[in-house]
Amino acid sequence: MNANTRFRLSLMMFVQYFVWGAWWVPLGTLLATNGFDDIIGQVYATQGYAAILAPLFIGVIADRYFSAEKVMGVLHLCGAACLFYVSTLGPGSDPQQVVLAVLVYMIFYMPTLPLSTTIAFNASSDTTKEFPTIRVFGTLGWIVAGLGIGFARLEQTNIPILISAGASLFYGLYSFTLPSTPPRAVWEPINPVRLLGLDALKGGGRLFVIFIVASLMTTIPLSFYYAYTNTYLVESGVDRAAAIQTLGQMSEMAFLLLLPLLLLRLGIKWVMVIGMIAWAVRYVMFAYGVTSLGPVMPVLLVGILLHGICYDFFFVAGQIYVDRTFGPETRARAQSFLALITLGVGMAIGALFANSVYVANTLAAGAHDWKTIWLIPAGLAFATAVIFAVVFRERKASPIEATAPLSRG
């Protein structure tokens, strides 16, 4: 890959995640500020709904008829229009209109995640070496967005949405200049079961079913973090909350470097158990991270910095397990099914559950019983970790197997 193509793809990844991170992180705080306190979880559940539809869209349309970069350009231009509209929905708007508008946007956005990966893969001559160095710019985009929004103290305004809308408009136009990624030459009959990866259940065996159930049950409590952390920090008096939250992404990058070593020493099972327990510990930190005197910043910072363990040891390790379990002919569909369960079904159920817990623990004058709100997902994550540790029996892997999936990026 030449330097020009590398730069173009790196910019693509940067903007892809900048667009998402700039408005998605502080959205809950804006909703609470505008009087939509009781629909925060419903709004965040739209990501799950859209993630369920994304593989169908990619498989039926993007893979068959149009070049990936052109599809992505159209989707981001439509997404920009949606975000501009969402930014106008202030106090007094119909709450369900807000939910619907965000859902429409997420239906446009979620398919662009695999599309951006497809474009990068297609332009790479050696994905093992080149893709990780390109994908890291996506994390940097999320971090830069959070730092900018946080230090400017914009969480309680609609400006982050407008920033994302402008970035999405730029990205939509820029997408048409990306390396050509034509549709697949080989056509297959449309099969929703295969597109969603549901046939992976047949080939994975009993352990894969246990793994999928555990992944679903862990994703439910982790939805609390994405939907309510910024709202919690701002309500608790933490200054520049969105900027502080980017420490989690920095931690994610650091712990990713430790993952190969721990996989060799502990195996997939215990790495995932540690990841599940980390979610429980993080929520306990949040539950006791604010006192009557205000936020206890060291405790809250530990909870945020645990994001590297929470994300890498659960999401990334889970992807590696799937990579090991399935052969080349079924691996992609199995990964699609894992994404469907975690980013789709799990996130949707989790966000709706979090919404009910949040609303049930709303106190007078708009305050919240955050201790109870955080201890509930902590208990669920810990219980899932214990059950998974007892019933899951990992197949022994060779040292080469333990590191190979990571090298694929």
Protein backbone atom coordinates (compact mmCIF):
# COMPACT_ATOMS: atom_id res chain seq x y z
CA MET A 1 0.00 0.00 0.00
CA ASN A 2 1.44 3.37 -0.97
CA ALA A 3 1.57 6.35 1.39
CA ASN A 4 -1.28 8.19 -0.34
CA THR A 5 -3.70 5.27 0.00
CA ARG A 6 -2.65 4.72 3.61
CA PHE A 7 -3.35 8.37 4.43
CA ARG A 8 -6.75 8.29 2.73
CA LEU A 9 -7.83 5.13 4.55
CA SER A 10 -6.51 6.41 7.88
CA LEU A 11 -8.52 9.61 7.44
CA MET A 12 -11.55 7.47 6.58
CA MET A 13 -11.25 5.53 9.84
CA PHE A 14 -10.61 8.70 11.85
CA VAL A 15 -13.76 10.42 10.59
CA GLN A 16 -15.83 7.20 10.78
CA TYR A 17 -15.44 7.07 14.56
CA PHE A 18 -15.20 10.83 15.11
CA VAL A 19 -18.71 11.15 13.67
CA TRP A 20 -20.02 8.53 16.11
CA GLY A 21 -18.11 9.51 19.24
CA ALA A 22 -18.70 13.26 19.07
CA TRP A 23 -22.45 13.04 19.65
CA TRP A 24 -23.15 9.51 20.91
CA VAL A 25 -21.19 9.83 24.17
CA PRO A 26 -22.85 13.04 25.46
CA LEU A 27 -26.29 12.32 23.95
CA GLY A 28 -27.74 11.00 27.21
CA THR A 29 -26.75 14.19 29.02
CA LEU A 30 -28.40 16.34 26.33
CA LEU A 31 -31.58 14.25 26.50
CA ALA A 32 -31.73 14.67 30.28
CA THR A 33 -31.13 18.41 29.93
CA ASN A 34 -33.96 18.73 27.40
CA GLY A 35 -36.47 16.87 29.55
CA PHE A 36 -36.22 13.48 27.82
CA ASP A 37 -34.86 11.77 30.91
CA ASP A 38 -37.13 8.74 30.64
CA ILE A 39 -36.24 7.79 27.04
CA ILE A 40 -32.42 7.79 27.24
CA GLY A 41 -32.27 4.00 27.22
CA GLN A 42 -34.84 3.79 24.42
CA VAL A 43 -32.69 6.10 22.30
CA TYR A 44 -29.53 4.07 22.91
CA ALA A 45 -31.41 0.87 22.08
CA THR A 46 -31.71 2.13 18.50
CA GLN A 47 -28.07 1.16 17.97
CA GLY A 48 -29.03 -2.43 18.67
CA TYR A 49 -32.00 -2.36 16.31
CA ALA A 50 -29.84 -0.93 13.53
CA ALA A 51 -27.06 -3.45 14.17
CA ILE A 52 -29.57 -6.25 13.58
CA LEU A 53 -30.58 -4.75 10.23
CA ALA A 54 -27.05 -3.88 9.07
CA PRO A 55 -25.92 -7.34 7.88
CA LEU A 56 -29.15 -7.73 5.90
CA PHE A 57 -28.51 -4.39 4.19
CA ILE A 58 -24.90 -5.24 3.43
CA GLY A 59 -25.69 -8.72 2.16
CA VAL A 60 -28.73 -7.82 0.05
CA ILE A 61 -27.67 -4.43 -1.38
CA ALA A 62 -24.06 -3.39 -0.78
CA ASP A 63 -22.46 -6.71 -1.67
CA ARG A 64 -24.55 -7.20 -4.81
CA TYR A 65 -25.22 -3.99 -6.70
CA PHE A 66 -22.98 -1.04 -5.78
CA SER A 67 -19.39 -0.22 -4.90
CA ALA A 68 -18.85 -0.03 -1.16
CA GLU A 69 -17.40 3.50 -1.20
CA LYS A 70 -20.44 4.83 -3.10
CA VAL A 71 -22.90 3.14 -0.73
CA MET A 72 -21.00 4.58 2.23
CA GLY A 73 -21.03 8.04 0.70
CA VAL A 74 -24.81 8.00 0.23
CA LEU A 75 -25.39 6.63 3.74
CA HIS A 76 -23.29 9.33 5.40
CA LEU A 77 -24.91 12.10 3.38
CA CYS A 78 -28.32 10.82 4.47
CA GLY A 79 -26.98 10.48 8.00
CA ALA A 80 -25.83 14.10 7.98
CA ALA A 81 -29.35 15.24 7.08
CA CYS A 82 -30.76 13.09 9.91
CA LEU A 83 -28.34 14.53 12.45
CA PHE A 84 -29.18 18.10 11.44
CA TYR A 85 -32.82 17.22 12.06
CA VAL A 86 -32.06 15.53 15.40
CA SER A 87 -30.27 18.70 16.53
CA THR A 88 -33.57 20.63 16.17
CA LEU A 89 -35.49 18.36 18.54
CA GLY A 90 -35.29 20.32 21.76
CA PRO A 91 -37.53 20.70 24.82
CA GLY A 92 -41.19 20.24 23.96
CA SER A 93 -40.61 17.84 21.08
CA ASP A 94 -42.45 14.53 21.01
CA PRO A 95 -40.19 11.99 22.83
CA GLN A 96 -41.06 9.21 20.39
CA GLN A 97 -40.18 11.53 17.52
CA VAL A 98 -36.72 11.80 19.07
CA VAL A 99 -36.40 8.01 19.32
CA LEU A 100 -37.56 7.55 15.72
CA ALA A 101 -35.19 10.21 14.37
CA VAL A 102 -32.19 8.64 16.10
CA LEU A 103 -33.28 5.20 14.89
CA VAL A 104 -33.37 6.40 11.28
CA TYR A 105 -29.88 7.84 11.69
CA MET A 106 -28.50 4.64 13.20
CA ILE A 107 -30.00 2.62 10.32
CA PHE A 108 -27.90 4.81 8.01
CA TYR A 109 -24.79 4.70 10.20
CA MET A 110 -24.39 1.10 11.41
CA PRO A 111 -23.87 -0.46 7.94
CA THR A 112 -20.95 1.94 7.38
CA LEU A 113 -18.92 0.21 10.10
CA PRO A 114 -18.42 -3.02 8.12
CA LEU A 115 -18.29 -1.03 4.87
CA SER A 116 -15.30 0.98 6.08
CA THR A 117 -13.55 -2.25 7.04
CA THR A 118 -14.34 -3.76 3.63
CA ILE A 119 -12.87 -0.74 1.84
CA ALA A 120 -9.70 -0.90 3.93
CA PHE A 121 -9.32 -4.65 3.41
CA ASN A 122 -9.85 -4.37 -0.33
CA ALA A 123 -7.16 -1.69 -0.68
CA SER A 124 -4.63 -3.56 1.46
CA SER A 125 -1.96 -5.79 -0.03
CA ASP A 126 -1.21 -7.31 3.40
CA THR A 127 -4.11 -6.92 5.84
CA THR A 128 -2.12 -8.56 8.64
CA LYS A 129 0.41 -5.73 8.69
CA GLU A 130 -1.55 -2.83 7.27
CA PHE A 131 -5.08 -2.95 8.68
CA PRO A 132 -4.25 -2.58 12.42
CA THR A 133 -2.22 0.56 11.73
CA ILE A 134 -5.17 2.00 9.82
CA ARG A 135 -7.89 0.92 12.26
CA VAL A 136 -6.12 2.60 15.19
CA PHE A 137 -7.03 5.96 13.65
CA GLY A 138 -10.67 5.11 14.35
CA THR A 139 -9.95 4.97 18.08
CA LEU A 140 -7.99 8.22 17.77
CA GLY A 141 -11.00 9.82 16.08
CA TRP A 142 -13.24 8.82 18.98
CA ILE A 143 -10.68 10.18 21.48
CA VAL A 144 -10.25 13.50 19.68
CA ALA A 145 -14.04 13.94 19.52
CA GLY A 146 -14.41 13.29 23.25
CA LEU A 147 -11.54 15.59 24.19
CA GLY A 148 -12.93 18.41 22.08
CA ILE A 149 -16.51 18.09 23.36
CA GLY A 150 -15.39 17.63 26.96
CA PHE A 151 -12.90 20.48 27.22
CA ALA A 152 -15.35 22.82 25.48
CA ARG A 153 -18.04 21.71 27.99
CA LEU A 154 -20.58 21.06 25.25
CA GLU A 155 -22.29 17.97 26.71
CA GLN A 156 -25.52 19.79 27.58
CA THR A 157 -25.89 21.47 24.19
CA ASN A 158 -26.84 20.29 20.70
CA ILE A 159 -23.48 21.43 19.31
CA PRO A 160 -21.96 17.90 19.40
CA ILE A 161 -24.79 16.74 17.13
CA LEU A 162 -24.13 19.61 14.73
CA ILE A 163 -20.40 18.81 14.75
CA SER A 164 -21.15 15.19 13.90
CA ALA A 165 -23.59 16.29 11.20
CA GLY A 166 -20.94 18.49 9.60
CA ALA A 167 -18.33 15.73 9.83
CA SER A 168 -20.81 13.26 8.33
CA LEU A 169 -21.46 15.64 5.43
CA PHE A 170 -17.72 15.90 4.78
CA TYR A 171 -17.31 12.14 5.13
CA GLY A 172 -20.14 11.42 2.74
CA LEU A 173 -18.51 13.52 0.02
CA TYR A 174 -15.05 12.21 0.84
CA SER A 175 -16.24 8.60 0.56
CA PHE A 176 -16.71 8.97 -3.20
CA THR A 177 -12.95 9.60 -3.53
CA LEU A 178 -11.93 6.43 -1.66
CA PRO A 179 -10.33 3.45 -3.44
CA SER A 180 -12.81 1.59 -5.62
CA THR A 181 -14.37 -1.41 -3.89
CA PRO A 182 -16.70 -3.08 -6.41
CA PRO A 183 -19.50 -5.47 -5.43
CA ARG A 184 -18.72 -9.16 -5.27
CA ALA A 185 -18.60 -10.85 -8.65
CA VAL A 186 -20.12 -14.08 -7.33
CA TRP A 187 -23.83 -14.01 -6.65
CA GLU A 188 -25.58 -16.30 -4.21
CA PRO A 189 -29.29 -16.70 -3.45
CA ILE A 190 -30.43 -14.35 -0.69
CA ASN A 191 -30.55 -16.35 2.53
CA PRO A 192 -31.41 -14.32 5.68
CA VAL A 193 -30.23 -17.16 7.92
CA ARG A 194 -26.76 -17.03 6.36
CA LEU A 195 -26.67 -13.24 6.20
CA LEU A 196 -27.32 -13.00 9.94
CA GLY A 197 -24.89 -15.82 10.64
CA LEU A 198 -27.56 -17.93 12.34
CA ASP A 199 -26.18 -21.07 10.73
CA ALA A 200 -23.10 -20.65 12.92
CA LEU A 201 -25.09 -22.14 15.79
CA LYS A 202 -25.10 -25.48 14.00
CA GLY A 203 -21.36 -25.62 13.44
CA GLY A 204 -20.14 -24.21 16.74
CA GLY A 205 -21.28 -26.96 19.04
CA ARG A 206 -22.34 -26.81 22.69
CA LEU A 207 -19.43 -24.62 23.82
CA PHE A 208 -20.23 -22.02 21.19
CA VAL A 209 -23.84 -21.87 22.40
CA ILE A 210 -22.59 -21.33 25.98
CA PHE A 211 -20.23 -18.64 24.73
CA ILE A 212 -23.03 -16.87 22.82
CA VAL A 213 -25.40 -16.93 25.81
CA ALA A 214 -22.65 -15.57 28.07
CA SER A 215 -21.86 -12.85 25.52
CA LEU A 216 -25.52 -11.85 25.39
CA MET A 217 -25.84 -11.78 29.18
CA THR A 218 -22.68 -9.68 29.51
CA THR A 219 -23.74 -7.20 26.85
CA ILE A 220 -26.95 -6.45 28.75
CA PRO A 221 -25.19 -4.89 31.78
CA LEU A 222 -22.51 -3.20 29.69
CA SER A 223 -25.28 -1.24 27.92
CA PHE A 224 -25.61 0.76 31.14
CA TYR A 225 -22.13 2.19 30.56
CA TYR A 226 -22.73 3.47 27.05
CA ALA A 227 -26.17 4.90 27.80
CA TYR A 228 -25.65 6.51 31.20
CA THR A 229 -22.00 7.12 32.11
CA ASN A 230 -21.83 10.65 30.72
CA THR A 231 -25.17 11.55 32.31
CA TYR A 232 -23.94 10.13 35.64
CA LEU A 233 -20.65 12.02 35.56
CA VAL A 234 -22.22 15.35 34.59
CA GLU A 235 -25.02 15.01 37.17
CA SER A 236 -22.41 14.15 39.82
CA GLY A 237 -20.48 17.34 39.14
CA VAL A 238 -17.54 15.92 37.18
CA ASP A 239 -16.05 18.64 34.99
CA ARG A 240 -15.24 17.90 31.34
CA ALA A 241 -16.85 14.47 31.58
CA ALA A 242 -16.63 13.56 27.89
CA ALA A 243 -12.91 14.32 27.86
CA ILE A 244 -12.31 12.21 30.96
CA GLN A 245 -14.19 9.31 29.38
CA THR A 246 -11.62 9.17 26.57
CA LEU A 247 -9.20 7.72 29.12
CA GLY A 248 -11.17 4.54 28.56
CA GLN A 249 -10.23 4.42 24.87
CA MET A 250 -6.59 5.15 25.75
CA SER A 251 -6.72 2.25 28.20
CA GLU A 252 -8.26 0.10 25.48
CA MET A 253 -5.27 0.70 23.22
CA ALA A 254 -2.81 -0.14 26.01
CA PHE A 255 -4.48 -3.36 27.15
CA LEU A 256 -4.73 -4.57 23.58
CA LEU A 257 -0.94 -4.92 23.65
CA LEU A 258 -1.17 -7.20 26.71
CA LEU A 259 -3.85 -9.42 25.27
CA PRO A 260 -1.61 -11.83 23.28
CA LEU A 261 0.53 -12.56 26.36
CA LEU A 262 -2.48 -13.18 28.60
CA LEU A 263 -4.12 -15.41 26.00
CA LEU A 264 -1.02 -17.58 26.00
CA ARG A 265 -0.80 -17.77 29.78
CA LEU A 266 -4.48 -17.90 30.78
CA GLY A 267 -6.42 -18.98 27.70
CA ILE A 268 -9.56 -17.49 26.19
CA LYS A 269 -11.86 -18.67 28.99
CA TRP A 270 -10.10 -16.94 31.86
CA VAL A 271 -9.33 -13.82 29.86
CA MET A 272 -13.06 -13.48 29.15
CA VAL A 273 -13.93 -14.19 32.79
CA ILE A 274 -11.57 -11.38 33.82
CA GLY A 275 -13.27 -9.10 31.29
CA MET A 276 -16.73 -9.94 32.66
CA ILE A 277 -15.62 -9.41 36.27
CA ALA A 278 -14.03 -6.10 35.25
CA TRP A 279 -17.48 -4.86 34.22
CA ALA A 280 -18.78 -5.73 37.69
CA VAL A 281 -15.84 -4.02 39.40
CA ARG A 282 -16.23 -0.94 37.23
CA TYR A 283 -19.89 -0.57 38.19
CA VAL A 284 -19.09 -1.01 41.88
CA MET A 285 -16.55 1.81 41.47
CA PHE A 286 -19.26 3.97 39.94
CA ALA A 287 -21.76 3.02 42.66
CA TYR A 288 -19.40 4.23 45.39
CA GLY A 289 -17.57 6.88 43.38
CA VAL A 290 -19.81 9.73 44.48
CA THR A 291 -20.51 10.68 48.09
CA SER A 292 -22.49 13.45 49.76
CA LEU A 293 -19.34 15.57 49.44
CA GLY A 294 -19.17 15.09 45.68
CA PRO A 295 -17.32 12.86 43.22
CA VAL A 296 -14.36 10.79 44.45
CA MET A 297 -12.23 11.22 41.34
CA PRO A 298 -9.62 8.47 41.98
CA VAL A 299 -12.41 5.90 42.25
CA LEU A 300 -14.20 7.17 39.15
CA LEU A 301 -10.97 7.28 37.17
CA VAL A 302 -10.23 3.65 38.02
CA GLY A 303 -13.73 2.75 36.83
CA ILE A 304 -13.14 4.54 33.53
CA LEU A 305 -9.62 3.16 33.04
CA LEU A 306 -10.97 -0.37 33.43
CA HIS A 307 -12.47 0.09 29.97
CA GLY A 308 -9.41 -1.50 28.39
CA ILE A 309 -9.94 -4.73 30.31
CA CYS A 310 -13.72 -4.57 29.93
CA TYR A 311 -13.62 -4.11 26.17
CA ASP A 312 -10.50 -5.97 25.03
CA PHE A 313 -10.88 -8.97 27.33
CA PHE A 314 -14.53 -9.40 26.38
CA PHE A 315 -15.19 -8.10 22.85
CA VAL A 316 -11.78 -8.69 21.27
CA ALA A 317 -11.19 -11.98 23.08
CA GLY A 318 -14.64 -13.14 21.99
CA GLN A 319 -13.83 -12.36 18.36
CA ILE A 320 -10.61 -14.34 18.70
CA TYR A 321 -12.52 -17.31 20.14
CA VAL A 322 -14.84 -17.29 17.13
CA ASP A 323 -11.85 -16.99 14.81
CA ARG A 324 -10.34 -20.13 16.36
CA THR A 325 -13.56 -22.11 16.46
CA PHE A 326 -14.66 -21.80 12.83
CA GLY A 327 -12.96 -22.55 9.54
CA PRO A 328 -12.37 -20.00 6.76
CA GLU A 329 -15.62 -20.87 4.98
CA THR A 330 -17.85 -20.08 7.99
CA ARG A 331 -15.72 -17.68 10.05
CA ALA A 332 -17.16 -14.46 8.60
CA ARG A 333 -20.76 -15.58 9.20
CA ALA A 334 -19.92 -16.64 12.75
CA GLN A 335 -18.41 -13.20 13.41
CA SER A 336 -21.56 -11.62 11.97
CA PHE A 337 -23.67 -13.71 14.33
CA LEU A 338 -21.55 -12.64 17.32
CA ALA A 339 -21.98 -8.99 16.29
CA LEU A 340 -25.72 -9.57 15.89
CA ILE A 341 -25.96 -10.97 19.43
CA THR A 342 -23.73 -8.40 21.16
CA LEU A 343 -24.03 -5.12 19.24
CA GLY A 344 -27.59 -5.91 18.16
CA VAL A 345 -29.78 -8.01 20.45
CA GLY A 346 -27.72 -7.55 23.61
CA MET A 347 -27.33 -3.79 23.27
CA ALA A 348 -31.02 -3.32 22.51
CA ILE A 349 -32.23 -5.44 25.44
CA GLY A 350 -29.59 -3.95 27.73
CA ALA A 351 -30.44 -0.36 26.88
CA LEU A 352 -34.16 -0.93 27.43
CA PHE A 353 -33.44 -2.69 30.74
CA ALA A 354 -31.11 0.14 31.76
CA ASN A 355 -33.84 2.63 30.88
CA SER A 356 -36.33 0.92 33.21
CA VAL A 357 -33.78 0.78 36.04
CA TYR A 358 -32.84 4.43 35.52
CA VAL A 359 -36.45 5.64 35.47
CA ALA A 360 -37.34 3.52 38.53
CA ASN A 361 -34.50 5.16 40.47
CA THR A 362 -35.31 8.75 39.58
CA LEU A 363 -35.67 10.83 42.74
CA ALA A 364 -37.18 14.20 43.48
CA ALA A 365 -35.90 17.24 41.59
CA GLY A 366 -34.48 15.08 38.81
CA ALA A 367 -31.72 13.44 40.87
CA HIS A 368 -31.07 9.69 40.71
CA ASP A 369 -30.14 6.85 43.01
CA TRP A 370 -26.96 6.07 41.11
CA LYS A 371 -25.74 3.56 43.68
CA THR A 372 -28.68 1.27 42.93
CA ILE A 373 -28.52 1.97 39.20
CA TRP A 374 -24.90 0.76 39.02
CA LEU A 375 -25.11 -2.14 41.48
CA ILE A 376 -27.80 -3.89 39.43
CA PRO A 377 -25.62 -4.36 36.30
CA ALA A 378 -22.64 -5.11 38.56
CA GLY A 379 -24.52 -8.06 40.05
CA LEU A 380 -25.64 -9.30 36.64
CA ALA A 381 -22.11 -9.11 35.18
CA PHE A 382 -20.60 -10.91 38.18
CA ALA A 383 -23.23 -13.67 38.11
CA THR A 384 -22.63 -14.21 34.39
CA ALA A 385 -18.87 -14.43 34.97
CA VAL A 386 -19.28 -17.07 37.69
CA ILE A 387 -21.67 -19.21 35.64
CA PHE A 388 -19.46 -18.93 32.55
CA ALA A 389 -16.38 -19.94 34.56
CA VAL A 390 -18.18 -23.04 35.83
CA VAL A 391 -19.85 -24.34 32.66
CA PHE A 392 -17.43 -23.34 29.87
CA ARG A 393 -14.62 -25.78 29.06
CA GLU A 394 -12.04 -24.29 26.72
CA ARG A 395 -10.48 -26.38 24.00
CA LYS A 396 -6.71 -26.29 24.36
CA ALA A 397 -5.00 -24.21 21.69
CA SER A 398 -1.45 -24.28 20.46
CA PRO A 399 0.77 -21.20 20.94
CA ILE A 400 0.39 -20.43 17.23
CA GLU A 401 -3.41 -20.50 17.50
CA ALA A 402 -3.33 -18.24 20.53
CA THR A 403 -1.56 -15.43 18.71
CA ALA A 404 -2.64 -15.87 15.09
CA PRO A 405 -6.09 -14.25 15.35
CA LEU A 406 -4.57 -11.09 16.82
CA SER A 407 -2.19 -10.81 13.90
CA ARG A 408 -5.14 -10.66 11.53
CA GLY A 409 -6.18 -7.36 13.15
